[in-house]
Amino acid sequence: MGDEDANAELARLRAENERLRRTAASRGMTIKVSEKGGVSVYGLGRFPVTLYKEQWLKLLDLADELRTFIRENDAMLKSKS
């Protein structure tokens, strides 16, 4: 990867990071890099949810399946409210 490509990718990642921060903050959540280099999401519960980037990406890849699972099992699932 050339310097130009690396700089373009870095700019893209910074823009995506800022977009995620704004989106999460509007929902009362924040996203931070943990001390060990993981991604921590604050505001879901008492403690942050922290996973390494590969784990988040795997989880995000399952988003549609998770939504379907929750919808199909709604009667058995509890809500926090």
Protein backbone atom coordinates (compact mmCIF):
# COMPACT_ATOMS: atom_id res chain seq x y z
CA MET A 1 0.00 0.00 0.00
CA GLY A 2 1.48 3.34 -1.04
CA ASP A 3 1.62 6.46 1.12
CA GLU A 4 -1.27 8.00 -0.82
CA ASP A 5 -3.42 4.90 -0.28
CA ALA A 6 -2.50 4.75 3.40
CA ASN A 7 -3.34 8.43 3.87
CA ALA A 8 -6.66 8.01 2.08
CA GLU A 9 -7.50 4.98 4.24
CA LEU A 10 -6.52 6.87 7.40
CA ALA A 11 -8.74 9.81 6.40
CA ARG A 12 -11.61 7.42 5.67
CA LEU A 13 -11.21 5.70 9.05
CA ARG A 14 -11.07 9.02 10.90
CA ALA A 15 -14.27 10.18 9.18
CA GLU A 16 -15.99 6.89 9.99
CA ASN A 17 -14.83 7.13 13.61
CA GLU A 18 -16.23 10.65 13.92
CA ARG A 19 -19.54 9.57 12.36
CA LEU A 20 -19.79 6.68 14.83
CA ARG A 21 -19.05 8.99 17.76
CA ARG A 22 -21.80 11.41 16.73
CA THR A 23 -24.31 8.61 16.14
CA ALA A 24 -23.54 6.90 19.45
CA ALA A 25 -23.54 10.16 21.40
CA SER A 26 -26.99 11.01 20.08
CA ARG A 27 -28.19 7.74 21.63
CA GLY A 28 -26.54 8.43 24.98
CA MET A 29 -23.60 6.15 24.20
CA THR A 30 -19.93 6.79 23.63
CA ILE A 31 -17.26 4.78 21.83
CA LYS A 32 -13.65 4.81 22.99
CA VAL A 33 -10.41 2.92 22.50
CA SER A 34 -9.67 0.93 25.65
CA GLU A 35 -6.30 0.87 27.41
CA LYS A 36 -5.56 -2.49 25.78
CA GLY A 37 -6.57 -1.34 22.30
CA GLY A 38 -10.10 -2.68 22.21
CA VAL A 39 -13.26 -0.84 21.23
CA SER A 40 -15.41 0.04 24.27
CA VAL A 41 -19.04 1.09 24.00
CA TYR A 42 -20.33 2.97 27.05
CA GLY A 43 -23.98 3.62 27.87
CA LEU A 44 -25.55 0.21 27.26
CA GLY A 45 -25.44 -0.84 30.90
CA ARG A 46 -23.47 -0.43 34.07
CA PHE A 47 -20.19 -1.47 32.46
CA PRO A 48 -18.82 -0.84 28.97
CA VAL A 49 -18.92 -3.56 26.33
CA THR A 50 -15.35 -4.01 25.12
CA LEU A 51 -14.25 -6.23 22.25
CA TYR A 52 -11.25 -6.23 19.95
CA LYS A 53 -11.85 -4.89 16.44
CA GLU A 54 -11.99 -8.39 14.88
CA GLN A 55 -14.69 -9.39 17.38
CA TRP A 56 -16.76 -6.27 16.65
CA LEU A 57 -16.47 -6.90 12.92
CA LYS A 58 -17.65 -10.51 13.32
CA LEU A 59 -20.55 -9.33 15.48
CA LEU A 60 -21.48 -6.61 13.00
CA ASP A 61 -21.47 -9.20 10.20
CA LEU A 62 -24.19 -11.02 12.17
CA ALA A 63 -26.41 -7.95 12.61
CA ASP A 64 -29.20 -9.18 10.30
CA GLU A 65 -29.13 -12.67 11.82
CA LEU A 66 -29.22 -11.21 15.35
CA ARG A 67 -32.24 -9.06 14.47
CA THR A 68 -34.02 -12.09 12.99
CA PHE A 69 -33.16 -14.21 16.04
CA ILE A 70 -34.47 -11.55 18.42
CA ARG A 71 -37.66 -11.15 16.40
CA GLU A 72 -38.24 -14.94 16.27
CA ASN A 73 -37.55 -15.38 20.00
CA ASP A 74 -39.21 -12.21 21.23
CA ALA A 75 -41.68 -14.04 23.50
CA MET A 76 -38.82 -15.67 25.45
CA LEU A 77 -36.62 -12.58 25.70
CA LYS A 78 -36.74 -10.01 28.47
CA SER A 79 -36.44 -6.26 28.05
CA LYS A 80 -34.52 -4.04 30.40
CA SER A 81 -37.33 -1.47 30.62
